[in-house]
Amino acid sequence: MKDGERQRKVIAGERFGEERALYLLDGAVVENCRFEGEEDGESALKECSRISVKGCFFDLRYPLWHGKEVSMERCTLSKNCRAALWYDQGVVIKDSFLGGIKALRECRGVSLERVEADSPELGWRCKDISLKDSKVTSEYAFFESKHLSFDQLTLSGKYSFQYTKDLTMTHSFLKTKDAFWHTKDAVISDSVLEGEYLGWYSDGLTLIRCKISGTQPLCYCKNLKLIDCTMEGCDLAFEYSEVEADLLGGIASVKNPKKGRITADRIGEIILSDSKYRAAAKIEVRTAKEH
């Protein structure tokens, strides 16, 4: 136990099944406890503050709502642990598993490190979230959240990061369709982005040294930038987008880009027809001398 925790109340090795079992707990360490049982109680740690939760197992609903200054280490929140962390401020979660639907919502100031999450609606409407070296499985991850920083994220899902604002991401792997729709002011670098319909309707999306694959990426975008990215299997790209793209290698096809410049080593097909808007972007294929 750390020196700062020696004077705090310690609750260790107990089982809690009743409702609001540790309601309003303040300045305590909760260690190796189990929140489960046929009592089927909920909201075990609601309205708690300045608590450290270590090596605990949660199998009941709504365990951590309205918490402040909460740290969790080596904890497991089961698939039955519905809506686990809501309306919390100042949360650090390390080496833990977050299961159950809606595991994190409307929280502020959350740090996740070496976390595995399997939660269909993870991280909705949160603010000031950092994540490092973590794995996420989520159908709708981080919907309408802002001020996000991600490093070494592995994500599998469908509709990820929709309507997010002020996002940075690096050294990550995403397998997800419809990612970054309506995202504003996002910088993604040194990452792999696999999926369909990437980044539609985004504003201020910048991709740096990313590997992109999937059909119809980056359409209806504003202020879109691609720097030293590769695009594999990407057809019908950039439709009606305002884009500045400097691509390495080739791209299957480009369709009716609205404004800007697109440069690549190879372009399989350039489609400039059947367009609602004037396709005014400059499209260039590098010559051998430029390599």
C-alpha atoms as a PDB file:
ATOM      1  CA  MET A   1       0.000   0.000   0.000  1.00  0.00           C
ATOM      2  CA  LYS A   2       1.257   3.476  -0.839  1.00  0.00           C
ATOM      3  CA  ASP A   3       2.216   5.825   2.024  1.00  0.00           C
ATOM      4  CA  GLY A   4      -0.660   8.167   1.214  1.00  0.00           C
ATOM      5  CA  GLU A   5      -3.136   5.335   1.697  1.00  0.00           C
ATOM      6  CA  ARG A   6      -1.908   4.094   5.094  1.00  0.00           C
ATOM      7  CA  GLN A   7      -4.104   6.550   7.007  1.00  0.00           C
ATOM      8  CA  ARG A   8      -7.197   5.814   4.958  1.00  0.00           C
ATOM      9  CA  LYS A   9      -9.958   3.458   5.906  1.00  0.00           C
ATOM     10  CA  VAL A  10      -9.448   0.041   4.307  1.00  0.00           C
ATOM     11  CA  ILE A  11     -12.306  -2.236   3.311  1.00  0.00           C
ATOM     12  CA  ALA A  12     -10.873  -5.575   2.209  1.00  0.00           C
ATOM     13  CA  GLY A  13     -12.062  -9.074   1.311  1.00  0.00           C
ATOM     14  CA  GLU A  14     -15.779  -8.465   1.755  1.00  0.00           C
ATOM     15  CA  ARG A  15     -18.865  -9.203  -0.350  1.00  0.00           C
ATOM     16  CA  PHE A  16     -21.512  -6.564  -0.996  1.00  0.00           C
ATOM     17  CA  GLY A  17     -24.854  -7.408  -2.581  1.00  0.00           C
ATOM     18  CA  GLU A  18     -27.238  -4.855  -1.160  1.00  0.00           C
ATOM     19  CA  GLU A  19     -28.258  -1.558  -2.751  1.00  0.00           C
ATOM     20  CA  ARG A  20     -25.978   1.452  -2.109  1.00  0.00           C
ATOM     21  CA  ALA A  21     -23.666  -0.772  -0.088  1.00  0.00           C
ATOM     22  CA  LEU A  22     -20.905   1.833   0.245  1.00  0.00           C
ATOM     23  CA  TYR A  23     -22.876   4.968  -0.576  1.00  0.00           C
ATOM     24  CA  LEU A  24     -21.052   8.259   0.148  1.00  0.00           C
ATOM     25  CA  LEU A  25     -17.783   6.494   0.977  1.00  0.00           C
ATOM     26  CA  ASP A  26     -14.985   9.062   1.234  1.00  0.00           C
ATOM     27  CA  GLY A  27     -11.217   8.724   1.526  1.00  0.00           C
ATOM     28  CA  ALA A  28     -11.014   4.925   1.599  1.00  0.00           C
ATOM     29  CA  VAL A  29      -9.353   1.931  -0.027  1.00  0.00           C
ATOM     30  CA  VAL A  30     -11.626  -0.854  -1.251  1.00  0.00           C
ATOM     31  CA  GLU A  31      -9.556  -3.951  -1.951  1.00  0.00           C
ATOM     32  CA  ASN A  32     -10.291  -7.507  -3.087  1.00  0.00           C
ATOM     33  CA  CYS A  33     -14.031  -7.126  -2.585  1.00  0.00           C
ATOM     34  CA  ARG A  34     -16.875  -8.640  -4.595  1.00  0.00           C
ATOM     35  CA  PHE A  35     -20.002  -6.708  -5.497  1.00  0.00           C
ATOM     36  CA  GLU A  36     -22.456  -9.481  -6.337  1.00  0.00           C
ATOM     37  CA  GLY A  37     -25.204 -11.619  -4.875  1.00  0.00           C
ATOM     38  CA  GLU A  38     -28.849 -12.598  -4.986  1.00  0.00           C
ATOM     39  CA  GLU A  39     -29.795  -9.333  -3.257  1.00  0.00           C
ATOM     40  CA  ASP A  40     -29.273  -7.799  -6.728  1.00  0.00           C
ATOM     41  CA  GLY A  41     -28.475  -4.404  -5.249  1.00  0.00           C
ATOM     42  CA  GLU A  42     -27.341  -1.510  -7.404  1.00  0.00           C
ATOM     43  CA  SER A  43     -25.357   1.744  -7.036  1.00  0.00           C
ATOM     44  CA  ALA A  44     -22.805   0.231  -4.646  1.00  0.00           C
ATOM     45  CA  LEU A  45     -20.303   3.117  -4.742  1.00  0.00           C
ATOM     46  CA  LYS A  46     -22.564   5.970  -5.740  1.00  0.00           C
ATOM     47  CA  GLU A  47     -21.537   9.522  -4.713  1.00  0.00           C
ATOM     48  CA  CYS A  48     -18.146   8.366  -3.442  1.00  0.00           C
ATOM     49  CA  SER A  49     -14.995  10.486  -3.418  1.00  0.00           C
ATOM     50  CA  ARG A  50     -11.243  10.043  -2.967  1.00  0.00           C
ATOM     51  CA  ILE A  51     -11.402   6.256  -3.122  1.00  0.00           C
ATOM     52  CA  SER A  52      -8.991   3.617  -4.434  1.00  0.00           C
ATOM     53  CA  VAL A  53     -10.598   0.434  -5.723  1.00  0.00           C
ATOM     54  CA  LYS A  54      -8.199  -2.486  -6.181  1.00  0.00           C
ATOM     55  CA  GLY A  55      -8.636  -6.073  -7.291  1.00  0.00           C
ATOM     56  CA  CYS A  56     -12.427  -5.931  -7.019  1.00  0.00           C
ATOM     57  CA  PHE A  57     -15.121  -7.789  -8.970  1.00  0.00           C
ATOM     58  CA  PHE A  58     -18.379  -6.072  -9.940  1.00  0.00           C
ATOM     59  CA  ASP A  59     -21.447  -7.982 -11.146  1.00  0.00           C
ATOM     60  CA  LEU A  60     -24.213  -5.519 -10.239  1.00  0.00           C
ATOM     61  CA  ARG A  61     -25.669  -2.453 -12.001  1.00  0.00           C
ATOM     62  CA  TYR A  62     -24.599   1.210 -11.747  1.00  0.00           C
ATOM     63  CA  PRO A  63     -21.703   0.745  -9.298  1.00  0.00           C
ATOM     64  CA  LEU A  64     -19.856   4.058  -9.748  1.00  0.00           C
ATOM     65  CA  TRP A  65     -22.066   7.075 -10.411  1.00  0.00           C
ATOM     66  CA  HIS A  66     -21.245  10.696  -9.475  1.00  0.00           C
ATOM     67  CA  GLY A  67     -17.828   9.744  -8.127  1.00  0.00           C
ATOM     68  CA  LYS A  68     -14.933  12.167  -7.688  1.00  0.00           C
ATOM     69  CA  GLU A  69     -11.230  11.321  -7.532  1.00  0.00           C
ATOM     70  CA  VAL A  70     -11.627   7.594  -8.084  1.00  0.00           C
ATOM     71  CA  SER A  71      -8.834   5.193  -8.996  1.00  0.00           C
ATOM     72  CA  MET A  72      -9.360   1.599 -10.112  1.00  0.00           C
ATOM     73  CA  GLU A  73      -6.669  -1.042 -10.560  1.00  0.00           C
ATOM     74  CA  ARG A  74      -6.933  -4.723 -11.454  1.00  0.00           C
ATOM     75  CA  CYS A  75     -10.720  -4.650 -11.370  1.00  0.00           C
ATOM     76  CA  THR A  76     -13.261  -6.615 -13.389  1.00  0.00           C
ATOM     77  CA  LEU A  77     -16.676  -5.259 -14.309  1.00  0.00           C
ATOM     78  CA  SER A  78     -18.710  -8.132 -15.722  1.00  0.00           C
ATOM     79  CA  LYS A  79     -21.157  -8.099 -18.627  1.00  0.00           C
ATOM     80  CA  ASN A  80     -23.926  -7.781 -16.030  1.00  0.00           C
ATOM     81  CA  CYS A  81     -22.422  -4.560 -14.719  1.00  0.00           C
ATOM     82  CA  ARG A  82     -24.694  -2.250 -16.692  1.00  0.00           C
ATOM     83  CA  ALA A  83     -23.869   1.474 -16.984  1.00  0.00           C
ATOM     84  CA  ALA A  84     -20.915   1.234 -14.649  1.00  0.00           C
ATOM     85  CA  LEU A  85     -19.383   4.713 -14.590  1.00  0.00           C
ATOM     86  CA  TRP A  86     -21.655   7.717 -15.197  1.00  0.00           C
ATOM     87  CA  TYR A  87     -21.241  11.391 -14.263  1.00  0.00           C
ATOM     88  CA  ASP A  88     -17.831  10.827 -12.645  1.00  0.00           C
ATOM     89  CA  GLN A  89     -14.967  13.332 -12.439  1.00  0.00           C
ATOM     90  CA  GLY A  90     -11.274  12.570 -12.084  1.00  0.00           C
ATOM     91  CA  VAL A  91     -11.086   8.817 -12.703  1.00  0.00           C
ATOM     92  CA  VAL A  92      -7.969   6.694 -13.290  1.00  0.00           C
ATOM     93  CA  ILE A  93      -8.477   3.113 -14.483  1.00  0.00           C
ATOM     94  CA  LYS A  94      -5.543   0.729 -14.978  1.00  0.00           C
ATOM     95  CA  ASP A  95      -5.143  -2.973 -15.765  1.00  0.00           C
ATOM     96  CA  SER A  96      -8.889  -3.565 -15.649  1.00  0.00           C
ATOM     97  CA  PHE A  97     -11.751  -5.019 -17.699  1.00  0.00           C
ATOM     98  CA  LEU A  98     -14.877  -2.962 -18.419  1.00  0.00           C
ATOM     99  CA  GLY A  99     -17.838  -5.039 -19.529  1.00  0.00           C
ATOM    100  CA  GLY A 100     -21.552  -4.419 -19.805  1.00  0.00           C
ATOM    101  CA  ILE A 101     -23.437  -1.961 -21.966  1.00  0.00           C
ATOM    102  CA  LYS A 102     -22.792   1.791 -21.523  1.00  0.00           C
ATOM    103  CA  ALA A 103     -19.705   1.309 -19.346  1.00  0.00           C
ATOM    104  CA  LEU A 104     -18.580   4.952 -19.408  1.00  0.00           C
ATOM    105  CA  ARG A 105     -20.850   7.942 -20.007  1.00  0.00           C
ATOM    106  CA  GLU A 106     -20.902  11.693 -19.347  1.00  0.00           C
ATOM    107  CA  CYS A 107     -17.677  11.528 -17.356  1.00  0.00           C
ATOM    108  CA  ARG A 108     -14.951  14.150 -17.215  1.00  0.00           C
ATOM    109  CA  GLY A 109     -11.224  13.728 -16.696  1.00  0.00           C
ATOM    110  CA  VAL A 110     -10.772   9.985 -17.207  1.00  0.00           C
ATOM    111  CA  SER A 111      -7.474   8.175 -17.773  1.00  0.00           C
ATOM    112  CA  LEU A 112      -7.501   4.607 -19.117  1.00  0.00           C
ATOM    113  CA  GLU A 113      -4.300   2.559 -19.304  1.00  0.00           C
ATOM    114  CA  ARG A 114      -3.902  -1.128 -20.154  1.00  0.00           C
ATOM    115  CA  VAL A 115      -7.664  -1.502 -20.100  1.00  0.00           C
ATOM    116  CA  GLU A 116      -9.791  -3.971 -22.021  1.00  0.00           C
ATOM    117  CA  ALA A 117     -13.352  -2.844 -22.663  1.00  0.00           C
ATOM    118  CA  ASP A 118     -16.213  -4.794 -24.223  1.00  0.00           C
ATOM    119  CA  SER A 119     -19.123  -2.380 -24.076  1.00  0.00           C
ATOM    120  CA  PRO A 120     -21.467  -1.586 -26.990  1.00  0.00           C
ATOM    121  CA  GLU A 121     -21.864   2.096 -26.063  1.00  0.00           C
ATOM    122  CA  LEU A 122     -18.567   2.989 -24.454  1.00  0.00           C
ATOM    123  CA  GLY A 123     -17.594   6.557 -23.647  1.00  0.00           C
ATOM    124  CA  TRP A 124     -20.624   8.580 -24.783  1.00  0.00           C
ATOM    125  CA  ARG A 125     -20.649  12.348 -24.174  1.00  0.00           C
ATOM    126  CA  CYS A 126     -17.451  12.359 -22.149  1.00  0.00           C
ATOM    127  CA  LYS A 127     -14.861  15.123 -21.871  1.00  0.00           C
ATOM    128  CA  ASP A 128     -11.095  15.098 -21.297  1.00  0.00           C
ATOM    129  CA  ILE A 129     -10.416  11.404 -21.839  1.00  0.00           C
ATOM    130  CA  SER A 130      -6.968   9.862 -22.291  1.00  0.00           C
ATOM    131  CA  LEU A 131      -6.359   6.249 -23.260  1.00  0.00           C
ATOM    132  CA  LYS A 132      -3.134   4.294 -23.668  1.00  0.00           C
ATOM    133  CA  ASP A 133      -2.228   0.720 -24.582  1.00  0.00           C
ATOM    134  CA  SER A 134      -5.808  -0.536 -24.448  1.00  0.00           C
ATOM    135  CA  LYS A 135      -8.203  -2.764 -26.377  1.00  0.00           C
ATOM    136  CA  VAL A 136     -11.808  -1.765 -27.046  1.00  0.00           C
ATOM    137  CA  THR A 137     -14.723  -3.691 -28.549  1.00  0.00           C
ATOM    138  CA  SER A 138     -17.661  -1.344 -28.970  1.00  0.00           C
ATOM    139  CA  GLU A 139     -20.392  -0.841 -31.554  1.00  0.00           C
ATOM    140  CA  TYR A 140     -20.713   2.906 -30.831  1.00  0.00           C
ATOM    141  CA  ALA A 141     -17.505   4.066 -29.140  1.00  0.00           C
ATOM    142  CA  PHE A 142     -17.051   7.615 -27.773  1.00  0.00           C
ATOM    143  CA  PHE A 143     -20.147   9.150 -29.371  1.00  0.00           C
ATOM    144  CA  GLU A 144     -20.275  12.963 -28.943  1.00  0.00           C
ATOM    145  CA  SER A 145     -17.194  13.097 -26.717  1.00  0.00           C
ATOM    146  CA  LYS A 146     -14.548  15.807 -26.844  1.00  0.00           C
ATOM    147  CA  HIS A 147     -10.953  16.566 -25.826  1.00  0.00           C
ATOM    148  CA  LEU A 148      -9.737  13.015 -26.417  1.00  0.00           C
ATOM    149  CA  SER A 149      -6.172  11.653 -26.530  1.00  0.00           C
ATOM    150  CA  PHE A 150      -5.489   8.062 -27.591  1.00  0.00           C
ATOM    151  CA  ASP A 151      -2.217   6.156 -27.957  1.00  0.00           C
ATOM    152  CA  GLN A 152      -1.869   2.466 -28.813  1.00  0.00           C
ATOM    153  CA  LEU A 153      -5.591   1.800 -29.079  1.00  0.00           C
ATOM    154  CA  THR A 154      -6.846  -1.395 -30.691  1.00  0.00           C
ATOM    155  CA  LEU A 155     -10.520  -0.991 -31.551  1.00  0.00           C
ATOM    156  CA  SER A 156     -13.096  -3.277 -33.114  1.00  0.00           C
ATOM    157  CA  GLY A 157     -16.553  -1.870 -33.729  1.00  0.00           C
ATOM    158  CA  LYS A 158     -18.858  -0.152 -36.184  1.00  0.00           C
ATOM    159  CA  TYR A 159     -19.778   3.497 -35.670  1.00  0.00           C
ATOM    160  CA  SER A 160     -16.782   4.851 -33.790  1.00  0.00           C
ATOM    161  CA  PHE A 161     -15.994   8.439 -32.773  1.00  0.00           C
ATOM    162  CA  GLN A 162     -19.092   9.970 -34.333  1.00  0.00           C
ATOM    163  CA  TYR A 163     -19.567  13.683 -33.552  1.00  0.00           C
ATOM    164  CA  THR A 164     -16.348  13.816 -31.528  1.00  0.00           C
ATOM    165  CA  LYS A 165     -14.385  17.077 -31.162  1.00  0.00           C
ATOM    166  CA  ASP A 166     -10.718  17.795 -30.497  1.00  0.00           C
ATOM    167  CA  LEU A 167      -9.290  14.304 -30.886  1.00  0.00           C
ATOM    168  CA  THR A 168      -5.700  13.096 -31.223  1.00  0.00           C
ATOM    169  CA  MET A 169      -4.751   9.491 -31.894  1.00  0.00           C
ATOM    170  CA  THR A 170      -1.456   7.778 -32.626  1.00  0.00           C
ATOM    171  CA  HIS A 171      -0.042   4.255 -33.093  1.00  0.00           C
ATOM    172  CA  SER A 172      -3.488   2.684 -33.146  1.00  0.00           C
ATOM    173  CA  PHE A 173      -5.353   0.003 -35.078  1.00  0.00           C
ATOM    174  CA  LEU A 174      -9.034   0.497 -35.894  1.00  0.00           C
ATOM    175  CA  LYS A 175     -11.299  -2.024 -37.585  1.00  0.00           C
ATOM    176  CA  THR A 176     -14.560  -0.114 -37.786  1.00  0.00           C
ATOM    177  CA  LYS A 177     -17.025   1.195 -40.354  1.00  0.00           C
ATOM    178  CA  ASP A 178     -18.413   4.731 -40.389  1.00  0.00           C
ATOM    179  CA  ALA A 179     -15.604   5.943 -38.118  1.00  0.00           C
ATOM    180  CA  PHE A 180     -15.129   9.679 -37.469  1.00  0.00           C
ATOM    181  CA  TRP A 181     -18.449  10.755 -39.016  1.00  0.00           C
ATOM    182  CA  HIS A 182     -19.050  14.446 -38.261  1.00  0.00           C
ATOM    183  CA  THR A 183     -15.797  14.532 -36.293  1.00  0.00           C
ATOM    184  CA  LYS A 184     -14.345  18.011 -35.865  1.00  0.00           C
ATOM    185  CA  ASP A 185     -10.656  18.873 -35.379  1.00  0.00           C
ATOM    186  CA  ALA A 186      -9.067  15.421 -35.220  1.00  0.00           C
ATOM    187  CA  VAL A 187      -5.446  14.413 -35.901  1.00  0.00           C
ATOM    188  CA  ILE A 188      -4.741  10.716 -36.491  1.00  0.00           C
ATOM    189  CA  SER A 189      -1.128   9.647 -37.031  1.00  0.00           C
ATOM    190  CA  ASP A 190       0.849   6.432 -37.606  1.00  0.00           C
ATOM    191  CA  SER A 191      -2.301   4.315 -37.414  1.00  0.00           C
ATOM    192  CA  VAL A 192      -4.142   1.637 -39.398  1.00  0.00           C
ATOM    193  CA  LEU A 193      -7.748   2.439 -40.297  1.00  0.00           C
ATOM    194  CA  GLU A 194      -9.744  -0.454 -41.743  1.00  0.00           C
ATOM    195  CA  GLY A 195     -13.420  -0.125 -42.616  1.00  0.00           C
ATOM    196  CA  GLU A 196     -16.026   1.400 -44.868  1.00  0.00           C
ATOM    197  CA  TYR A 197     -17.129   5.029 -45.312  1.00  0.00           C
ATOM    198  CA  LEU A 198     -14.358   6.543 -43.234  1.00  0.00           C
ATOM    199  CA  GLY A 199     -14.719  10.105 -41.992  1.00  0.00           C
ATOM    200  CA  TRP A 200     -17.804  11.313 -43.875  1.00  0.00           C
ATOM    201  CA  TYR A 201     -18.957  14.855 -43.010  1.00  0.00           C
ATOM    202  CA  SER A 202     -15.856  15.525 -40.891  1.00  0.00           C
ATOM    203  CA  ASP A 203     -14.410  19.024 -40.526  1.00  0.00           C
ATOM    204  CA  GLY A 204     -10.709  19.472 -39.799  1.00  0.00           C
ATOM    205  CA  LEU A 205      -9.696  15.806 -39.990  1.00  0.00           C
ATOM    206  CA  THR A 206      -5.947  15.313 -40.522  1.00  0.00           C
ATOM    207  CA  LEU A 207      -4.441  11.887 -41.257  1.00  0.00           C
ATOM    208  CA  ILE A 208      -0.644  11.532 -41.068  1.00  0.00           C
ATOM    209  CA  ARG A 209       1.274   8.410 -42.119  1.00  0.00           C
ATOM    210  CA  CYS A 210      -1.855   6.294 -41.829  1.00  0.00           C
ATOM    211  CA  LYS A 211      -2.706   3.101 -43.695  1.00  0.00           C
ATOM    212  CA  ILE A 212      -6.300   3.366 -44.907  1.00  0.00           C
ATOM    213  CA  SER A 213      -8.423   0.624 -46.450  1.00  0.00           C
ATOM    214  CA  GLY A 214     -12.094   0.215 -47.357  1.00  0.00           C
ATOM    215  CA  THR A 215     -14.659   1.478 -49.810  1.00  0.00           C
ATOM    216  CA  GLN A 216     -15.789   5.098 -50.277  1.00  0.00           C
ATOM    217  CA  PRO A 217     -13.617   6.856 -47.719  1.00  0.00           C
ATOM    218  CA  LEU A 218     -13.568  10.541 -46.827  1.00  0.00           C
ATOM    219  CA  CYS A 219     -16.587  11.971 -48.609  1.00  0.00           C
ATOM    220  CA  TYR A 220     -18.384  15.273 -47.870  1.00  0.00           C
ATOM    221  CA  CYS A 221     -15.398  16.423 -45.784  1.00  0.00           C
ATOM    222  CA  LYS A 222     -14.246  19.964 -45.061  1.00  0.00           C
ATOM    223  CA  ASN A 223     -10.643  20.950 -44.300  1.00  0.00           C
ATOM    224  CA  LEU A 224      -9.445  17.388 -44.881  1.00  0.00           C
ATOM    225  CA  LYS A 225      -5.686  16.696 -44.971  1.00  0.00           C
ATOM    226  CA  LEU A 226      -3.792  13.494 -45.735  1.00  0.00           C
ATOM    227  CA  ILE A 227      -0.013  13.512 -45.347  1.00  0.00           C
ATOM    228  CA  ASP A 228       2.102  10.537 -46.461  1.00  0.00           C
ATOM    229  CA  CYS A 229      -0.810   8.124 -46.138  1.00  0.00           C
ATOM    230  CA  THR A 230      -1.409   4.914 -48.099  1.00  0.00           C
ATOM    231  CA  MET A 231      -4.844   3.846 -49.375  1.00  0.00           C
ATOM    232  CA  GLU A 232      -5.547   0.212 -50.244  1.00  0.00           C
ATOM    233  CA  GLY A 233      -8.800  -0.942 -51.795  1.00  0.00           C
ATOM    234  CA  CYS A 234     -10.149   2.578 -51.533  1.00  0.00           C
ATOM    235  CA  ASP A 235     -12.588   3.296 -54.347  1.00  0.00           C
ATOM    236  CA  LEU A 236     -14.857   6.292 -54.939  1.00  0.00           C
ATOM    237  CA  ALA A 237     -12.813   8.361 -52.520  1.00  0.00           C
ATOM    238  CA  PHE A 238     -13.185  12.056 -51.668  1.00  0.00           C
ATOM    239  CA  GLU A 239     -16.619  12.636 -53.226  1.00  0.00           C
ATOM    240  CA  TYR A 240     -17.654  16.267 -52.625  1.00  0.00           C
ATOM    241  CA  SER A 241     -14.748  16.813 -50.209  1.00  0.00           C
ATOM    242  CA  GLU A 242     -12.475  19.807 -49.720  1.00  0.00           C
ATOM    243  CA  VAL A 243      -9.154  17.974 -49.500  1.00  0.00           C
ATOM    244  CA  GLU A 244      -5.380  18.357 -49.529  1.00  0.00           C
ATOM    245  CA  ALA A 245      -3.949  14.843 -49.971  1.00  0.00           C
ATOM    246  CA  ASP A 246      -0.364  13.758 -50.577  1.00  0.00           C
ATOM    247  CA  LEU A 247      -0.587   9.970 -50.877  1.00  0.00           C
ATOM    248  CA  LEU A 248       2.082   7.306 -51.091  1.00  0.00           C
ATOM    249  CA  GLY A 249       1.367   4.563 -53.621  1.00  0.00           C
ATOM    250  CA  GLY A 250      -1.923   4.298 -55.438  1.00  0.00           C
ATOM    251  CA  ILE A 251      -5.641   4.643 -54.956  1.00  0.00           C
ATOM    252  CA  ALA A 252      -8.362   2.649 -56.710  1.00  0.00           C
ATOM    253  CA  SER A 253     -10.555   5.583 -57.726  1.00  0.00           C
ATOM    254  CA  VAL A 254     -11.303   9.218 -56.974  1.00  0.00           C
ATOM    255  CA  LYS A 255     -14.794  10.604 -57.516  1.00  0.00           C
ATOM    256  CA  ASN A 256     -15.830  14.243 -57.874  1.00  0.00           C
ATOM    257  CA  PRO A 257     -13.609  15.909 -55.256  1.00  0.00           C
ATOM    258  CA  LYS A 258     -15.036  19.355 -54.648  1.00  0.00           C
ATOM    259  CA  LYS A 259     -11.955  21.451 -53.879  1.00  0.00           C
ATOM    260  CA  GLY A 260      -8.210  21.235 -53.168  1.00  0.00           C
ATOM    261  CA  ARG A 261      -5.471  18.960 -54.468  1.00  0.00           C
ATOM    262  CA  ILE A 262      -4.922  15.176 -54.564  1.00  0.00           C
ATOM    263  CA  THR A 263      -1.491  13.755 -55.411  1.00  0.00           C
ATOM    264  CA  ALA A 264      -0.676  10.037 -55.663  1.00  0.00           C
ATOM    265  CA  ASP A 265       1.732   7.688 -57.434  1.00  0.00           C
ATOM    266  CA  ARG A 266      -1.138   5.912 -59.187  1.00  0.00           C
ATOM    267  CA  ILE A 267      -4.858   6.516 -59.555  1.00  0.00           C
ATOM    268  CA  GLY A 268      -6.858   3.660 -61.029  1.00  0.00           C
ATOM    269  CA  GLU A 269      -9.794   5.796 -62.138  1.00  0.00           C
ATOM    270  CA  ILE A 270     -10.753   9.446 -61.951  1.00  0.00           C
ATOM    271  CA  ILE A 271     -14.528   9.939 -62.079  1.00  0.00           C
ATOM    272  CA  LEU A 272     -15.649  13.467 -62.926  1.00  0.00           C
ATOM    273  CA  SER A 273     -19.258  13.027 -63.942  1.00  0.00           C
ATOM    274  CA  ASP A 274     -22.762  12.868 -62.535  1.00  0.00           C
ATOM    275  CA  SER A 275     -21.832  15.471 -59.933  1.00  0.00           C
ATOM    276  CA  LYS A 276     -24.080  17.821 -57.995  1.00  0.00           C
ATOM    277  CA  TYR A 277     -21.147  20.224 -57.461  1.00  0.00           C
ATOM    278  CA  ARG A 278     -18.343  21.371 -59.698  1.00  0.00           C
ATOM    279  CA  ALA A 279     -15.391  19.019 -59.164  1.00  0.00           C
ATOM    280  CA  ALA A 280     -12.672  21.637 -58.913  1.00  0.00           C
ATOM    281  CA  ALA A 281      -9.904  19.790 -57.038  1.00  0.00           C
ATOM    282  CA  LYS A 282      -6.613  19.362 -58.855  1.00  0.00           C
ATOM    283  CA  ILE A 283      -5.734  15.676 -59.291  1.00  0.00           C
ATOM    284  CA  GLU A 284      -2.112  14.761 -60.010  1.00  0.00           C
ATOM    285  CA  VAL A 285      -0.216  11.552 -60.658  1.00  0.00           C
ATOM    286  CA  ARG A 286       3.488  11.806 -59.862  1.00  0.00           C
ATOM    287  CA  THR A 287       6.012  11.234 -62.585  1.00  0.00           C
ATOM    288  CA  ALA A 288       9.043   9.017 -62.160  1.00  0.00           C
ATOM    289  CA  LYS A 289      11.279  12.075 -61.651  1.00  0.00           C
ATOM    290  CA  GLU A 290       9.283  13.080 -58.564  1.00  0.00           C
ATOM    291  CA  HIS A 291       9.959   9.827 -56.673  1.00  0.00           C
END
